[in-house]
Amino acid sequence: MEKVLVVIKVRTECQDIDKNLETVLQSYFPKSEDREKIIQLFKPDLIDNKLELNGHRVNDKIHFYFPIYVILDSKENK
């Protein structure tokens, strides 16, 4: 009787994509008062990073890093 052992190697990769907060908010069309509430949440995060999105300013606009995770696998027959 033949047995096949399959070994699966799984690894993850993360790529942070820099996004302009106002552009992202406009693309989802929230009400202007909702947009302002979200912007107010991000302002203190520029200092303490509690949202863990690495908020920062680019040309006086709030930007943040949007993480994209990729799961990769490969298998080997032994």
PDB file of N, CA and C in Angstrom:
ATOM      1  N   MET A   1       0.845  -1.170   0.000  1.00  0.00           N
ATOM      2  CA  MET A   1       0.000   0.000   0.000  1.00  0.00           C
ATOM      3  C   MET A   1       0.896   1.242   0.000  1.00  0.00           C
ATOM      4  N   GLU A   2       0.601   2.160  -0.881  1.00  0.00           N
ATOM      5  CA  GLU A   2       1.393   3.381  -1.001  1.00  0.00           C
ATOM      6  C   GLU A   2       0.695   4.514  -0.249  1.00  0.00           C
ATOM      7  N   LYS A   3       1.499   5.254   0.518  1.00  0.00           N
ATOM      8  CA  LYS A   3       0.955   6.407   1.238  1.00  0.00           C
ATOM      9  C   LYS A   3       1.606   7.661   0.685  1.00  0.00           C
ATOM     10  N   VAL A   4       0.812   8.710   0.587  1.00  0.00           N
ATOM     11  CA  VAL A   4       1.319   9.986   0.110  1.00  0.00           C
ATOM     12  C   VAL A   4       1.230  10.983   1.264  1.00  0.00           C
ATOM     13  N   LEU A   5       2.338  11.602   1.539  1.00  0.00           N
ATOM     14  CA  LEU A   5       2.368  12.628   2.562  1.00  0.00           C
ATOM     15  C   LEU A   5       2.455  13.970   1.856  1.00  0.00           C
ATOM     16  N   VAL A   6       1.526  14.838   2.161  1.00  0.00           N
ATOM     17  CA  VAL A   6       1.512  16.166   1.548  1.00  0.00           C
ATOM     18  C   VAL A   6       1.883  17.184   2.616  1.00  0.00           C
ATOM     19  N   VAL A   7       2.898  17.982   2.322  1.00  0.00           N
ATOM     20  CA  VAL A   7       3.322  19.037   3.221  1.00  0.00           C
ATOM     21  C   VAL A   7       2.896  20.361   2.596  1.00  0.00           C
ATOM     22  N   ILE A   8       2.165  21.124   3.361  1.00  0.00           N
ATOM     23  CA  ILE A   8       1.708  22.416   2.860  1.00  0.00           C
ATOM     24  C   ILE A   8       2.455  23.504   3.612  1.00  0.00           C
ATOM     25  N   LYS A   9       3.082  24.376   2.857  1.00  0.00           N
ATOM     26  CA  LYS A   9       3.780  25.514   3.441  1.00  0.00           C
ATOM     27  C   LYS A   9       2.911  26.743   3.219  1.00  0.00           C
ATOM     28  N   VAL A  10       2.494  27.340   4.305  1.00  0.00           N
ATOM     29  CA  VAL A  10       1.650  28.526   4.218  1.00  0.00           C
ATOM     30  C   VAL A  10       2.419  29.701   4.804  1.00  0.00           C
ATOM     31  N   ARG A  11       2.400  30.808   4.094  1.00  0.00           N
ATOM     32  CA  ARG A  11       3.008  32.027   4.611  1.00  0.00           C
ATOM     33  C   ARG A  11       2.113  33.191   4.241  1.00  0.00           C
ATOM     34  N   THR A  12       2.232  34.234   5.009  1.00  0.00           N
ATOM     35  CA  THR A  12       1.437  35.426   4.731  1.00  0.00           C
ATOM     36  C   THR A  12       2.381  36.583   4.430  1.00  0.00           C
ATOM     37  N   GLU A  13       1.917  37.456   3.611  1.00  0.00           N
ATOM     38  CA  GLU A  13       2.643  38.680   3.271  1.00  0.00           C
ATOM     39  C   GLU A  13       1.683  39.841   3.486  1.00  0.00           C
ATOM     40  N   CYS A  14       2.199  40.937   3.959  1.00  0.00           N
ATOM     41  CA  CYS A  14       1.376  42.132   4.155  1.00  0.00           C
ATOM     42  C   CYS A  14       1.976  43.279   3.349  1.00  0.00           C
ATOM     43  N   GLN A  15       1.134  43.960   2.626  1.00  0.00           N
ATOM     44  CA  GLN A  15       1.553  45.129   1.862  1.00  0.00           C
ATOM     45  C   GLN A  15       0.684  46.293   2.307  1.00  0.00           C
ATOM     46  N   ASP A  16       1.294  47.344   2.825  1.00  0.00           N
ATOM     47  CA  ASP A  16       0.543  48.528   3.225  1.00  0.00           C
ATOM     48  C   ASP A  16       0.405  49.474   2.041  1.00  0.00           C
ATOM     49  N   ILE A  17      -0.823  49.896   1.782  1.00  0.00           N
ATOM     50  CA  ILE A  17      -1.086  50.804   0.671  1.00  0.00           C
ATOM     51  C   ILE A  17      -1.464  52.161   1.242  1.00  0.00           C
ATOM     52  N   ASP A  18      -0.780  53.202   0.802  1.00  0.00           N
ATOM     53  CA  ASP A  18      -1.020  54.563   1.288  1.00  0.00           C
ATOM     54  C   ASP A  18      -2.301  55.102   0.657  1.00  0.00           C
ATOM     55  N   LYS A  19      -3.241  55.547   1.502  1.00  0.00           N
ATOM     56  CA  LYS A  19      -4.522  56.062   1.018  1.00  0.00           C
ATOM     57  C   LYS A  19      -4.789  57.455   1.580  1.00  0.00           C
ATOM     58  N   ASN A  20      -5.390  58.310   0.773  1.00  0.00           N
ATOM     59  CA  ASN A  20      -5.841  59.634   1.199  1.00  0.00           C
ATOM     60  C   ASN A  20      -7.212  59.446   1.835  1.00  0.00           C
ATOM     61  N   LEU A  21      -7.348  59.827   3.107  1.00  0.00           N
ATOM     62  CA  LEU A  21      -8.600  59.608   3.842  1.00  0.00           C
ATOM     63  C   LEU A  21      -9.791  60.263   3.160  1.00  0.00           C
ATOM     64  N   GLU A  22      -9.662  61.501   2.748  1.00  0.00           N
ATOM     65  CA  GLU A  22     -10.790  62.197   2.127  1.00  0.00           C
ATOM     66  C   GLU A  22     -11.222  61.519   0.827  1.00  0.00           C
ATOM     67  N   THR A  23     -10.269  61.067   0.044  1.00  0.00           N
ATOM     68  CA  THR A  23     -10.600  60.377  -1.212  1.00  0.00           C
ATOM     69  C   THR A  23     -11.358  59.081  -0.930  1.00  0.00           C
ATOM     70  N   VAL A  24     -10.902  58.341   0.070  1.00  0.00           N
ATOM     71  CA  VAL A  24     -11.590  57.093   0.428  1.00  0.00           C
ATOM     72  C   VAL A  24     -13.006  57.386   0.911  1.00  0.00           C
ATOM     73  N   LEU A  25     -13.150  58.393   1.762  1.00  0.00           N
ATOM     74  CA  LEU A  25     -14.482  58.723   2.273  1.00  0.00           C
ATOM     75  C   LEU A  25     -15.428  59.169   1.165  1.00  0.00           C
ATOM     76  N   GLN A  26     -14.935  59.951   0.230  1.00  0.00           N
ATOM     77  CA  GLN A  26     -15.779  60.417  -0.879  1.00  0.00           C
ATOM     78  C   GLN A  26     -16.215  59.262  -1.763  1.00  0.00           C
ATOM     79  N   SER A  27     -15.366  58.260  -1.906  1.00  0.00           N
ATOM     80  CA  SER A  27     -15.722  57.142  -2.786  1.00  0.00           C
ATOM     81  C   SER A  27     -16.851  56.295  -2.215  1.00  0.00           C
ATOM     82  N   TYR A  28     -17.049  56.355  -0.903  1.00  0.00           N
ATOM     83  CA  TYR A  28     -18.145  55.602  -0.286  1.00  0.00           C
ATOM     84  C   TYR A  28     -19.388  56.458  -0.073  1.00  0.00           C
ATOM     85  N   PHE A  29     -19.345  57.718  -0.441  1.00  0.00           N
ATOM     86  CA  PHE A  29     -20.483  58.644  -0.386  1.00  0.00           C
ATOM     87  C   PHE A  29     -21.187  58.734   0.962  1.00  0.00           C
ATOM     88  N   PRO A  30     -20.455  58.789   2.063  1.00  0.00           N
ATOM     89  CA  PRO A  30     -21.187  59.011   3.320  1.00  0.00           C
ATOM     90  C   PRO A  30     -21.686  60.452   3.386  1.00  0.00           C
ATOM     91  N   LYS A  31     -22.616  60.689   4.259  1.00  0.00           N
ATOM     92  CA  LYS A  31     -23.093  62.057   4.463  1.00  0.00           C
ATOM     93  C   LYS A  31     -21.929  62.914   4.926  1.00  0.00           C
ATOM     94  N   SER A  32     -21.940  64.189   4.586  1.00  0.00           N
ATOM     95  CA  SER A  32     -20.825  65.070   4.931  1.00  0.00           C
ATOM     96  C   SER A  32     -20.583  65.122   6.437  1.00  0.00           C
ATOM     97  N   GLU A  33     -21.657  65.069   7.245  1.00  0.00           N
ATOM     98  CA  GLU A  33     -21.450  65.085   8.699  1.00  0.00           C
ATOM     99  C   GLU A  33     -20.789  63.792   9.187  1.00  0.00           C
ATOM    100  N   ASP A  34     -21.073  62.674   8.514  1.00  0.00           N
ATOM    101  CA  ASP A  34     -20.409  61.412   8.855  1.00  0.00           C
ATOM    102  C   ASP A  34     -18.933  61.465   8.467  1.00  0.00           C
ATOM    103  N   ARG A  35     -18.657  62.044   7.313  1.00  0.00           N
ATOM    104  CA  ARG A  35     -17.255  62.198   6.874  1.00  0.00           C
ATOM    105  C   ARG A  35     -16.464  62.972   7.908  1.00  0.00           C
ATOM    106  N   GLU A  36     -17.053  64.054   8.402  1.00  0.00           N
ATOM    107  CA  GLU A  36     -16.365  64.899   9.381  1.00  0.00           C
ATOM    108  C   GLU A  36     -16.122  64.139  10.686  1.00  0.00           C
ATOM    109  N   LYS A  37     -17.082  63.320  11.110  1.00  0.00           N
ATOM    110  CA  LYS A  37     -16.894  62.511  12.326  1.00  0.00           C
ATOM    111  C   LYS A  37     -15.719  61.543  12.160  1.00  0.00           C
ATOM    112  N   ILE A  38     -15.625  60.941  11.011  1.00  0.00           N
ATOM    113  CA  ILE A  38     -14.528  59.995  10.760  1.00  0.00           C
ATOM    114  C   ILE A  38     -13.197  60.729  10.723  1.00  0.00           C
ATOM    115  N   ILE A  39     -13.163  61.883  10.095  1.00  0.00           N
ATOM    116  CA  ILE A  39     -11.935  62.687  10.055  1.00  0.00           C
ATOM    117  C   ILE A  39     -11.511  63.059  11.470  1.00  0.00           C
ATOM    118  N   GLN A  40     -12.482  63.418  12.329  1.00  0.00           N
ATOM    119  CA  GLN A  40     -12.163  63.762  13.712  1.00  0.00           C
ATOM    120  C   GLN A  40     -11.602  62.568  14.481  1.00  0.00           C
ATOM    121  N   LEU A  41     -12.003  61.352  14.117  1.00  0.00           N
ATOM    122  CA  LEU A  41     -11.429  60.152  14.737  1.00  0.00           C
ATOM    123  C   LEU A  41      -9.964  59.970  14.352  1.00  0.00           C
ATOM    124  N   PHE A  42      -9.631  60.332  13.127  1.00  0.00           N
ATOM    125  CA  PHE A  42      -8.269  60.138  12.630  1.00  0.00           C
ATOM    126  C   PHE A  42      -7.293  61.189  13.155  1.00  0.00           C
ATOM    127  N   LYS A  43      -7.764  62.392  13.462  1.00  0.00           N
ATOM    128  CA  LYS A  43      -6.843  63.462  13.861  1.00  0.00           C
ATOM    129  C   LYS A  43      -5.990  63.107  15.074  1.00  0.00           C
ATOM    130  N   PRO A  44      -6.561  62.625  16.200  1.00  0.00           N
ATOM    131  CA  PRO A  44      -5.682  62.271  17.321  1.00  0.00           C
ATOM    132  C   PRO A  44      -4.797  61.067  16.998  1.00  0.00           C
ATOM    133  N   ASP A  45      -5.245  60.249  16.066  1.00  0.00           N
ATOM    134  CA  ASP A  45      -4.466  59.072  15.695  1.00  0.00           C
ATOM    135  C   ASP A  45      -3.171  59.437  14.978  1.00  0.00           C
ATOM    136  N   LEU A  46      -3.099  60.652  14.460  1.00  0.00           N
ATOM    137  CA  LEU A  46      -1.851  61.105  13.840  1.00  0.00           C
ATOM    138  C   LEU A  46      -0.733  61.157  14.874  1.00  0.00           C
ATOM    139  N   ILE A  47      -1.088  61.259  16.148  1.00  0.00           N
ATOM    140  CA  ILE A  47      -0.096  61.332  17.217  1.00  0.00           C
ATOM    141  C   ILE A  47       0.115  59.979  17.895  1.00  0.00           C
ATOM    142  N   ASP A  48      -0.990  59.300  18.256  1.00  0.00           N
ATOM    143  CA  ASP A  48      -0.843  58.095  19.084  1.00  0.00           C
ATOM    144  C   ASP A  48      -1.004  56.762  18.344  1.00  0.00           C
ATOM    145  N   ASN A  49      -1.470  56.764  17.114  1.00  0.00           N
ATOM    146  CA  ASN A  49      -1.612  55.563  16.285  1.00  0.00           C
ATOM    147  C   ASN A  49      -2.424  54.452  16.964  1.00  0.00           C
ATOM    148  N   LYS A  50      -3.452  54.801  17.708  1.00  0.00           N
ATOM    149  CA  LYS A  50      -4.281  53.785  18.359  1.00  0.00           C
ATOM    150  C   LYS A  50      -5.082  52.958  17.357  1.00  0.00           C
ATOM    151  N   LEU A  51      -5.379  53.534  16.205  1.00  0.00           N
ATOM    152  CA  LEU A  51      -6.082  52.773  15.168  1.00  0.00           C
ATOM    153  C   LEU A  51      -5.150  51.819  14.434  1.00  0.00           C
ATOM    154  N   GLU A  52      -3.858  51.984  14.670  1.00  0.00           N
ATOM    155  CA  GLU A  52      -2.812  51.165  14.049  1.00  0.00           C
ATOM    156  C   GLU A  52      -2.866  51.213  12.517  1.00  0.00           C
ATOM    157  N   LEU A  53      -3.197  52.394  11.984  1.00  0.00           N
ATOM    158  CA  LEU A  53      -3.214  52.584  10.534  1.00  0.00           C
ATOM    159  C   LEU A  53      -2.114  53.540  10.083  1.00  0.00           C
ATOM    160  N   ASN A  54      -1.215  53.878  11.014  1.00  0.00           N
ATOM    161  CA  ASN A  54      -0.075  54.755  10.720  1.00  0.00           C
ATOM    162  C   ASN A  54      -0.494  56.034  10.008  1.00  0.00           C
ATOM    163  N   GLY A  55      -1.467  56.721  10.586  1.00  0.00           N
ATOM    164  CA  GLY A  55      -1.941  57.979  10.020  1.00  0.00           C
ATOM    165  C   GLY A  55      -0.821  59.011   9.945  1.00  0.00           C
ATOM    166  N   HIS A  56      -0.818  59.774   8.872  1.00  0.00           N
ATOM    167  CA  HIS A  56       0.198  60.812   8.664  1.00  0.00           C
ATOM    168  C   HIS A  56      -0.367  61.850   7.701  1.00  0.00           C
ATOM    169  N   ARG A  57       0.313  62.958   7.590  1.00  0.00           N
ATOM    170  CA  ARG A  57      -0.128  64.012   6.667  1.00  0.00           C
ATOM    171  C   ARG A  57       0.779  64.050   5.442  1.00  0.00           C
ATOM    172  N   VAL A  58       0.127  64.266   4.298  1.00  0.00           N
ATOM    173  CA  VAL A  58       0.831  64.498   3.032  1.00  0.00           C
ATOM    174  C   VAL A  58       0.197  65.737   2.434  1.00  0.00           C
ATOM    175  N   ASN A  59       0.986  66.797   2.285  1.00  0.00           N
ATOM    176  CA  ASN A  59       0.457  68.063   1.769  1.00  0.00           C
ATOM    177  C   ASN A  59      -0.796  68.505   2.515  1.00  0.00           C
ATOM    178  N   ASP A  60      -0.752  68.412   3.840  1.00  0.00           N
ATOM    179  CA  ASP A  60      -1.824  68.840   4.737  1.00  0.00           C
ATOM    180  C   ASP A  60      -3.090  67.982   4.642  1.00  0.00           C
ATOM    181  N   LYS A  61      -3.024  66.844   3.991  1.00  0.00           N
ATOM    182  CA  LYS A  61      -4.156  65.917   3.924  1.00  0.00           C
ATOM    183  C   LYS A  61      -3.818  64.693   4.768  1.00  0.00           C
ATOM    184  N   ILE A  62      -4.835  64.142   5.433  1.00  0.00           N
ATOM    185  CA  ILE A  62      -4.620  62.953   6.247  1.00  0.00           C
ATOM    186  C   ILE A  62      -4.536  61.733   5.334  1.00  0.00           C
ATOM    187  N   HIS A  63      -3.479  60.970   5.526  1.00  0.00           N
ATOM    188  CA  HIS A  63      -3.296  59.701   4.823  1.00  0.00           C
ATOM    189  C   HIS A  63      -3.177  58.596   5.863  1.00  0.00           C
ATOM    190  N   PHE A  64      -3.426  57.384   5.448  1.00  0.00           N
ATOM    191  CA  PHE A  64      -3.253  56.232   6.328  1.00  0.00           C
ATOM    192  C   PHE A  64      -2.824  55.047   5.474  1.00  0.00           C
ATOM    193  N   TYR A  65      -2.300  54.038   6.147  1.00  0.00           N
ATOM    194  CA  TYR A  65      -1.895  52.830   5.433  1.00  0.00           C
ATOM    195  C   TYR A  65      -2.981  51.786   5.578  1.00  0.00           C
ATOM    196  N   PHE A  66      -3.448  51.296   4.451  1.00  0.00           N
ATOM    197  CA  PHE A  66      -4.470  50.266   4.396  1.00  0.00           C
ATOM    198  C   PHE A  66      -3.763  48.936   4.172  1.00  0.00           C
ATOM    199  N   PRO A  67      -3.817  48.031   5.154  1.00  0.00           N
ATOM    200  CA  PRO A  67      -3.080  46.776   4.994  1.00  0.00           C
ATOM    201  C   PRO A  67      -3.810  45.789   4.077  1.00  0.00           C
ATOM    202  N   ILE A  68      -3.049  45.198   3.189  1.00  0.00           N
ATOM    203  CA  ILE A  68      -3.554  44.142   2.312  1.00  0.00           C
ATOM    204  C   ILE A  68      -2.778  42.878   2.666  1.00  0.00           C
ATOM    205  N   TYR A  69      -3.482  41.839   3.071  1.00  0.00           N
ATOM    206  CA  TYR A  69      -2.829  40.583   3.432  1.00  0.00           C
ATOM    207  C   TYR A  69      -3.023  39.563   2.318  1.00  0.00           C
ATOM    208  N   VAL A  70      -1.967  38.850   2.032  1.00  0.00           N
ATOM    209  CA  VAL A  70      -1.990  37.814   1.008  1.00  0.00           C
ATOM    210  C   VAL A  70      -1.550  36.508   1.659  1.00  0.00           C
ATOM    211  N   ILE A  71      -2.298  35.457   1.428  1.00  0.00           N
ATOM    212  CA  ILE A  71      -1.932  34.143   1.949  1.00  0.00           C
ATOM    213  C   ILE A  71      -1.421  33.320   0.773  1.00  0.00           C
ATOM    214  N   LEU A  72      -0.219  32.821   0.928  1.00  0.00           N
ATOM    215  CA  LEU A  72       0.425  32.037  -0.127  1.00  0.00           C
ATOM    216  C   LEU A  72       0.654  30.626   0.381  1.00  0.00           C
ATOM    217  N   ASP A  73       0.466  29.667  -0.489  1.00  0.00           N
ATOM    218  CA  ASP A  73       0.797  28.312  -0.085  1.00  0.00           C
ATOM    219  C   ASP A  73       1.453  27.560  -1.218  1.00  0.00           C
ATOM    220  N   SER A  74       2.123  26.535  -0.843  1.00  0.00           N
ATOM    221  CA  SER A  74       2.689  25.623  -1.827  1.00  0.00           C
ATOM    222  C   SER A  74       2.659  24.250  -1.189  1.00  0.00           C
ATOM    223  N   LYS A  75       2.550  23.232  -1.994  1.00  0.00           N
ATOM    224  CA  LYS A  75       2.527  21.904  -1.411  1.00  0.00           C
ATOM    225  C   LYS A  75       3.545  21.012  -2.115  1.00  0.00           C
ATOM    226  N   GLU A  76       4.041  20.134  -1.330  1.00  0.00           N
ATOM    227  CA  GLU A  76       5.024  19.189  -1.826  1.00  0.00           C
ATOM    228  C   GLU A  76       4.517  17.785  -1.534  1.00  0.00           C
ATOM    229  N   ASN A  77       4.598  16.937  -2.495  1.00  0.00           N
ATOM    230  CA  ASN A  77       4.283  15.518  -2.263  1.00  0.00           C
ATOM    231  C   ASN A  77       5.550  14.810  -1.830  1.00  0.00           C
ATOM    232  N   LYS A  78       5.455  14.061  -0.784  1.00  0.00           N
ATOM    233  CA  LYS A  78       6.631  13.329  -0.288  1.00  0.00           C
ATOM    234  C   LYS A  78       6.347  11.861  -0.331  1.00  0.00           C
TER     235      LYS A  78
END
